[in-house]
Amino acid sequence: MLGIMILDMEGVRGAIQGAADVHDGIALMAKLLDAAHTDKLDADQVRCLIEPLRDRLWITIEDARQVM
């Protein structure tokens, strides 16, 4: 039973790390956008920044659902 709980905790740890990675990515993106606030960005450029973070967040959510 303890072994199963440890494996479950490892799965939760992975999901938490994934969420932290997404958070760090969003924070970095916000800094970059703030630094370039005088430059005009089109929607495709912003989507290229957001898309990998969205994908990573989706994977993290799915991993968390599987663990729980």
PDB file of N, CA and C in Angstrom:
ATOM      1  N   MET A   1       0.832  -1.196   0.000  1.00  0.00           N
ATOM      2  CA  MET A   1       0.000   0.000   0.000  1.00  0.00           C
ATOM      3  C   MET A   1       0.874   1.256   0.000  1.00  0.00           C
ATOM      4  N   LEU A   2       1.936   1.231   0.802  1.00  0.00           N
ATOM      5  CA  LEU A   2       2.827   2.384   0.875  1.00  0.00           C
ATOM      6  C   LEU A   2       3.494   2.629  -0.475  1.00  0.00           C
ATOM      7  N   GLY A   3       3.864   1.562  -1.151  1.00  0.00           N
ATOM      8  CA  GLY A   3       4.486   1.693  -2.473  1.00  0.00           C
ATOM      9  C   GLY A   3       3.557   2.366  -3.470  1.00  0.00           C
ATOM     10  N   ILE A   4       2.275   2.030  -3.420  1.00  0.00           N
ATOM     11  CA  ILE A   4       1.289   2.641  -4.319  1.00  0.00           C
ATOM     12  C   ILE A   4       1.157   4.125  -4.013  1.00  0.00           C
ATOM     13  N   MET A   5       1.144   4.461  -2.729  1.00  0.00           N
ATOM     14  CA  MET A   5       1.033   5.869  -2.349  1.00  0.00           C
ATOM     15  C   MET A   5       2.253   6.666  -2.800  1.00  0.00           C
ATOM     16  N   ILE A   6       3.423   6.068  -2.708  1.00  0.00           N
ATOM     17  CA  ILE A   6       4.647   6.746  -3.141  1.00  0.00           C
ATOM     18  C   ILE A   6       4.595   6.995  -4.641  1.00  0.00           C
ATOM     19  N   LEU A   7       4.137   6.014  -5.401  1.00  0.00           N
ATOM     20  CA  LEU A   7       4.012   6.196  -6.849  1.00  0.00           C
ATOM     21  C   LEU A   7       3.016   7.295  -7.188  1.00  0.00           C
ATOM     22  N   ASP A   8       1.904   7.327  -6.443  1.00  0.00           N
ATOM     23  CA  ASP A   8       0.916   8.390  -6.653  1.00  0.00           C
ATOM     24  C   ASP A   8       1.509   9.757  -6.345  1.00  0.00           C
ATOM     25  N   MET A   9       2.284   9.844  -5.290  1.00  0.00           N
ATOM     26  CA  MET A   9       2.917  11.116  -4.925  1.00  0.00           C
ATOM     27  C   MET A   9       3.910  11.559  -5.993  1.00  0.00           C
ATOM     28  N   GLU A  10       4.615  10.621  -6.592  1.00  0.00           N
ATOM     29  CA  GLU A  10       5.534  10.965  -7.680  1.00  0.00           C
ATOM     30  C   GLU A  10       4.763  11.543  -8.859  1.00  0.00           C
ATOM     31  N   GLY A  11       3.593  10.988  -9.130  1.00  0.00           N
ATOM     32  CA  GLY A  11       2.753  11.517 -10.203  1.00  0.00           C
ATOM     33  C   GLY A  11       2.280  12.927  -9.903  1.00  0.00           C
ATOM     34  N   VAL A  12       1.903  13.175  -8.663  1.00  0.00           N
ATOM     35  CA  VAL A  12       1.484  14.518  -8.258  1.00  0.00           C
ATOM     36  C   VAL A  12       2.664  15.477  -8.355  1.00  0.00           C
ATOM     37  N   ARG A  13       3.828  15.031  -7.971  1.00  0.00           N
ATOM     38  CA  ARG A  13       5.018  15.877  -8.051  1.00  0.00           C
ATOM     39  C   ARG A  13       5.272  16.299  -9.495  1.00  0.00           C
ATOM     40  N   GLY A  14       5.102  15.369 -10.421  1.00  0.00           N
ATOM     41  CA  GLY A  14       5.283  15.703 -11.831  1.00  0.00           C
ATOM     42  C   GLY A  14       4.276  16.742 -12.309  1.00  0.00           C
ATOM     43  N   ALA A  15       3.036  16.599 -11.874  1.00  0.00           N
ATOM     44  CA  ALA A  15       2.005  17.568 -12.261  1.00  0.00           C
ATOM     45  C   ALA A  15       2.298  18.937 -11.661  1.00  0.00           C
ATOM     46  N   ILE A  16       2.761  18.965 -10.424  1.00  0.00           N
ATOM     47  CA  ILE A  16       3.101  20.232  -9.784  1.00  0.00           C
ATOM     48  C   ILE A  16       4.282  20.880 -10.501  1.00  0.00           C
ATOM     49  N   GLN A  17       5.266  20.092 -10.866  1.00  0.00           N
ATOM     50  CA  GLN A  17       6.412  20.633 -11.598  1.00  0.00           C
ATOM     51  C   GLN A  17       5.979  21.180 -12.951  1.00  0.00           C
ATOM     52  N   GLY A  18       5.080  20.460 -13.619  1.00  0.00           N
ATOM     53  CA  GLY A  18       4.555  20.940 -14.901  1.00  0.00           C
ATOM     54  C   GLY A  18       3.840  22.272 -14.750  1.00  0.00           C
ATOM     55  N   ALA A  19       3.035  22.405 -13.699  1.00  0.00           N
ATOM     56  CA  ALA A  19       2.336  23.667 -13.449  1.00  0.00           C
ATOM     57  C   ALA A  19       3.337  24.781 -13.142  1.00  0.00           C
ATOM     58  N   ALA A  20       4.381  24.467 -12.388  1.00  0.00           N
ATOM     59  CA  ALA A  20       5.410  25.466 -12.085  1.00  0.00           C
ATOM     60  C   ALA A  20       6.137  25.896 -13.355  1.00  0.00           C
ATOM     61  N   ASP A  21       6.394  24.945 -14.257  1.00  0.00           N
ATOM     62  CA  ASP A  21       7.038  25.279 -15.530  1.00  0.00           C
ATOM     63  C   ASP A  21       6.170  26.215 -16.362  1.00  0.00           C
ATOM     64  N   VAL A  22       4.869  25.937 -16.396  1.00  0.00           N
ATOM     65  CA  VAL A  22       3.949  26.805 -17.135  1.00  0.00           C
ATOM     66  C   VAL A  22       3.931  28.194 -16.496  1.00  0.00           C
ATOM     67  N   HIS A  23       3.887  28.242 -15.182  1.00  0.00           N
ATOM     68  CA  HIS A  23       3.910  29.527 -14.479  1.00  0.00           C
ATOM     69  C   HIS A  23       5.170  30.315 -14.835  1.00  0.00           C
ATOM     70  N   ASP A  24       6.311  29.655 -14.805  1.00  0.00           N
ATOM     71  CA  ASP A  24       7.565  30.328 -15.137  1.00  0.00           C
ATOM     72  C   ASP A  24       7.559  30.823 -16.582  1.00  0.00           C
ATOM     73  N   GLY A  25       7.005  30.018 -17.472  1.00  0.00           N
ATOM     74  CA  GLY A  25       6.912  30.417 -18.876  1.00  0.00           C
ATOM     75  C   GLY A  25       6.019  31.628 -19.069  1.00  0.00           C
ATOM     76  N   ILE A  26       4.903  31.649 -18.371  1.00  0.00           N
ATOM     77  CA  ILE A  26       3.991  32.797 -18.463  1.00  0.00           C
ATOM     78  C   ILE A  26       4.654  34.044 -17.879  1.00  0.00           C
ATOM     79  N   ALA A  27       5.369  33.896 -16.773  1.00  0.00           N
ATOM     80  CA  ALA A  27       6.067  35.035 -16.174  1.00  0.00           C
ATOM     81  C   ALA A  27       7.123  35.587 -17.124  1.00  0.00           C
ATOM     82  N   LEU A  28       7.867  34.699 -17.770  1.00  0.00           N
ATOM     83  CA  LEU A  28       8.871  35.139 -18.740  1.00  0.00           C
ATOM     84  C   LEU A  28       8.220  35.829 -19.931  1.00  0.00           C
ATOM     85  N   MET A  29       7.131  35.255 -20.424  1.00  0.00           N
ATOM     86  CA  MET A  29       6.428  35.864 -21.546  1.00  0.00           C
ATOM     87  C   MET A  29       5.927  37.253 -21.161  1.00  0.00           C
ATOM     88  N   ALA A  30       5.418  37.411 -19.950  1.00  0.00           N
ATOM     89  CA  ALA A  30       4.942  38.721 -19.502  1.00  0.00           C
ATOM     90  C   ALA A  30       6.089  39.729 -19.458  1.00  0.00           C
ATOM     91  N   LYS A  31       7.261  39.297 -18.997  1.00  0.00           N
ATOM     92  CA  LYS A  31       8.423  40.190 -18.978  1.00  0.00           C
ATOM     93  C   LYS A  31       8.820  40.596 -20.394  1.00  0.00           C
ATOM     94  N   LEU A  32       8.825  39.623 -21.298  1.00  0.00           N
ATOM     95  CA  LEU A  32       9.192  39.928 -22.689  1.00  0.00           C
ATOM     96  C   LEU A  32       8.191  40.884 -23.333  1.00  0.00           C
ATOM     97  N   LEU A  33       6.921  40.641 -23.103  1.00  0.00           N
ATOM     98  CA  LEU A  33       5.901  41.528 -23.670  1.00  0.00           C
ATOM     99  C   LEU A  33       5.977  42.919 -23.061  1.00  0.00           C
ATOM    100  N   ASP A  34       6.273  42.987 -21.766  1.00  0.00           N
ATOM    101  CA  ASP A  34       6.400  44.282 -21.116  1.00  0.00           C
ATOM    102  C   ASP A  34       7.616  45.038 -21.652  1.00  0.00           C
ATOM    103  N   ALA A  35       8.722  44.322 -21.856  1.00  0.00           N
ATOM    104  CA  ALA A  35       9.934  44.959 -22.375  1.00  0.00           C
ATOM    105  C   ALA A  35       9.732  45.462 -23.802  1.00  0.00           C
ATOM    106  N   ALA A  36       8.869  44.807 -24.545  1.00  0.00           N
ATOM    107  CA  ALA A  36       8.630  45.174 -25.942  1.00  0.00           C
ATOM    108  C   ALA A  36       7.296  45.891 -26.111  1.00  0.00           C
ATOM    109  N   HIS A  37       6.844  46.578 -25.076  1.00  0.00           N
ATOM    110  CA  HIS A  37       5.514  47.188 -25.130  1.00  0.00           C
ATOM    111  C   HIS A  37       5.394  48.259 -26.212  1.00  0.00           C
ATOM    112  N   THR A  38       6.520  48.777 -26.687  1.00  0.00           N
ATOM    113  CA  THR A  38       6.450  49.788 -27.750  1.00  0.00           C
ATOM    114  C   THR A  38       6.391  49.149 -29.126  1.00  0.00           C
ATOM    115  N   ASP A  39       6.701  47.850 -29.201  1.00  0.00           N
ATOM    116  CA  ASP A  39       6.656  47.139 -30.483  1.00  0.00           C
ATOM    117  C   ASP A  39       5.283  46.539 -30.699  1.00  0.00           C
ATOM    118  N   LYS A  40       4.834  46.620 -31.928  1.00  0.00           N
ATOM    119  CA  LYS A  40       3.538  46.053 -32.266  1.00  0.00           C
ATOM    120  C   LYS A  40       3.699  44.562 -32.570  1.00  0.00           C
ATOM    121  N   LEU A  41       2.888  43.742 -31.933  1.00  0.00           N
ATOM    122  CA  LEU A  41       2.894  42.302 -32.184  1.00  0.00           C
ATOM    123  C   LEU A  41       1.577  41.922 -32.828  1.00  0.00           C
ATOM    124  N   ASP A  42       1.665  41.060 -33.820  1.00  0.00           N
ATOM    125  CA  ASP A  42       0.400  40.596 -34.385  1.00  0.00           C
ATOM    126  C   ASP A  42      -0.059  39.331 -33.660  1.00  0.00           C
ATOM    127  N   ALA A  43      -1.266  38.942 -33.928  1.00  0.00           N
ATOM    128  CA  ALA A  43      -1.875  37.816 -33.214  1.00  0.00           C
ATOM    129  C   ALA A  43      -1.090  36.525 -33.414  1.00  0.00           C
ATOM    130  N   ASP A  44      -0.520  36.302 -34.589  1.00  0.00           N
ATOM    131  CA  ASP A  44       0.248  35.076 -34.827  1.00  0.00           C
ATOM    132  C   ASP A  44       1.494  35.018 -33.955  1.00  0.00           C
ATOM    133  N   GLN A  45       2.146  36.150 -33.747  1.00  0.00           N
ATOM    134  CA  GLN A  45       3.325  36.170 -32.891  1.00  0.00           C
ATOM    135  C   GLN A  45       2.957  35.854 -31.449  1.00  0.00           C
ATOM    136  N   VAL A  46       1.885  36.439 -30.983  1.00  0.00           N
ATOM    137  CA  VAL A  46       1.449  36.174 -29.610  1.00  0.00           C
ATOM    138  C   VAL A  46       1.009  34.722 -29.471  1.00  0.00           C
ATOM    139  N   ARG A  47       0.313  34.202 -30.465  1.00  0.00           N
ATOM    140  CA  ARG A  47      -0.114  32.794 -30.417  1.00  0.00           C
ATOM    141  C   ARG A  47       1.091  31.866 -30.381  1.00  0.00           C
ATOM    142  N   CYS A  48       2.160  32.196 -31.094  1.00  0.00           N
ATOM    143  CA  CYS A  48       3.371  31.377 -31.068  1.00  0.00           C
ATOM    144  C   CYS A  48       4.006  31.362 -29.679  1.00  0.00           C
ATOM    145  N   LEU A  49       3.835  32.448 -28.932  1.00  0.00           N
ATOM    146  CA  LEU A  49       4.331  32.475 -27.559  1.00  0.00           C
ATOM    147  C   LEU A  49       3.439  31.666 -26.619  1.00  0.00           C
ATOM    148  N   ILE A  50       2.147  31.771 -26.815  1.00  0.00           N
ATOM    149  CA  ILE A  50       1.185  31.162 -25.885  1.00  0.00           C
ATOM    150  C   ILE A  50       0.961  29.673 -26.168  1.00  0.00           C
ATOM    151  N   GLU A  51       0.997  29.275 -27.405  1.00  0.00           N
ATOM    152  CA  GLU A  51       0.638  27.896 -27.785  1.00  0.00           C
ATOM    153  C   GLU A  51       1.435  26.821 -27.034  1.00  0.00           C
ATOM    154  N   PRO A  52       2.768  26.915 -26.956  1.00  0.00           N
ATOM    155  CA  PRO A  52       3.502  25.878 -26.210  1.00  0.00           C
ATOM    156  C   PRO A  52       3.128  25.838 -24.724  1.00  0.00           C
ATOM    157  N   LEU A  53       2.846  27.004 -24.152  1.00  0.00           N
ATOM    158  CA  LEU A  53       2.435  27.035 -22.743  1.00  0.00           C
ATOM    159  C   LEU A  53       1.070  26.397 -22.563  1.00  0.00           C
ATOM    160  N   ARG A  54       0.162  26.648 -23.493  1.00  0.00           N
ATOM    161  CA  ARG A  54      -1.166  26.046 -23.434  1.00  0.00           C
ATOM    162  C   ARG A  54      -1.067  24.525 -23.554  1.00  0.00           C
ATOM    163  N   ASP A  55      -0.230  24.069 -24.478  1.00  0.00           N
ATOM    164  CA  ASP A  55      -0.046  22.629 -24.662  1.00  0.00           C
ATOM    165  C   ASP A  55       0.535  21.986 -23.403  1.00  0.00           C
ATOM    166  N   ARG A  56       1.529  22.633 -22.822  1.00  0.00           N
ATOM    167  CA  ARG A  56       2.154  22.099 -21.612  1.00  0.00           C
ATOM    168  C   ARG A  56       1.159  22.069 -20.456  1.00  0.00           C
ATOM    169  N   LEU A  57       0.348  23.119 -20.340  1.00  0.00           N
ATOM    170  CA  LEU A  57      -0.655  23.155 -19.281  1.00  0.00           C
ATOM    171  C   LEU A  57      -1.679  22.043 -19.472  1.00  0.00           C
ATOM    172  N   TRP A  58      -2.105  21.798 -20.692  1.00  0.00           N
ATOM    173  CA  TRP A  58      -3.063  20.724 -20.972  1.00  0.00           C
ATOM    174  C   TRP A  58      -2.484  19.368 -20.568  1.00  0.00           C
ATOM    175  N   ILE A  59      -1.230  19.132 -20.900  1.00  0.00           N
ATOM    176  CA  ILE A  59      -0.569  17.877 -20.533  1.00  0.00           C
ATOM    177  C   ILE A  59      -0.494  17.751 -19.011  1.00  0.00           C
ATOM    178  N   THR A  60      -0.167  18.838 -18.346  1.00  0.00           N
ATOM    179  CA  THR A  60      -0.078  18.838 -16.878  1.00  0.00           C
ATOM    180  C   THR A  60      -1.421  18.525 -16.249  1.00  0.00           C
ATOM    181  N   ILE A  61      -2.481  19.124 -16.778  1.00  0.00           N
ATOM    182  CA  ILE A  61      -3.820  18.854 -16.242  1.00  0.00           C
ATOM    183  C   ILE A  61      -4.201  17.403 -16.446  1.00  0.00           C
ATOM    184  N   GLU A  62      -3.916  16.858 -17.615  1.00  0.00           N
ATOM    185  CA  GLU A  62      -4.218  15.455 -17.881  1.00  0.00           C
ATOM    186  C   GLU A  62      -3.421  14.537 -16.953  1.00  0.00           C
ATOM    187  N   ASP A  63      -2.142  14.862 -16.728  1.00  0.00           N
ATOM    188  CA  ASP A  63      -1.324  14.056 -15.809  1.00  0.00           C
ATOM    189  C   ASP A  63      -1.918  14.085 -14.404  1.00  0.00           C
ATOM    190  N   ALA A  64      -2.340  15.252 -13.959  1.00  0.00           N
ATOM    191  CA  ALA A  64      -2.939  15.374 -12.623  1.00  0.00           C
ATOM    192  C   ALA A  64      -4.239  14.577 -12.531  1.00  0.00           C
ATOM    193  N   ARG A  65      -5.043  14.602 -13.585  1.00  0.00           N
ATOM    194  CA  ARG A  65      -6.298  13.827 -13.573  1.00  0.00           C
ATOM    195  C   ARG A  65      -6.031  12.335 -13.468  1.00  0.00           C
ATOM    196  N   GLN A  66      -5.017  11.874 -14.167  1.00  0.00           N
ATOM    197  CA  GLN A  66      -4.693  10.436 -14.134  1.00  0.00           C
ATOM    198  C   GLN A  66      -4.237  10.000 -12.746  1.00  0.00           C
ATOM    199  N   VAL A  67      -3.512  10.873 -12.076  1.00  0.00           N
ATOM    200  CA  VAL A  67      -3.007  10.530 -10.736  1.00  0.00           C
ATOM    201  C   VAL A  67      -4.157  10.482  -9.752  1.00  0.00           C
ATOM    202  N   MET A  68      -5.111  11.396  -9.894  1.00  0.00           N
ATOM    203  CA  MET A  68      -6.191  11.458  -8.929  1.00  0.00           C
ATOM    204  C   MET A  68      -7.260  10.511  -9.353  1.00  0.00           C
TER     205      MET A  68
END
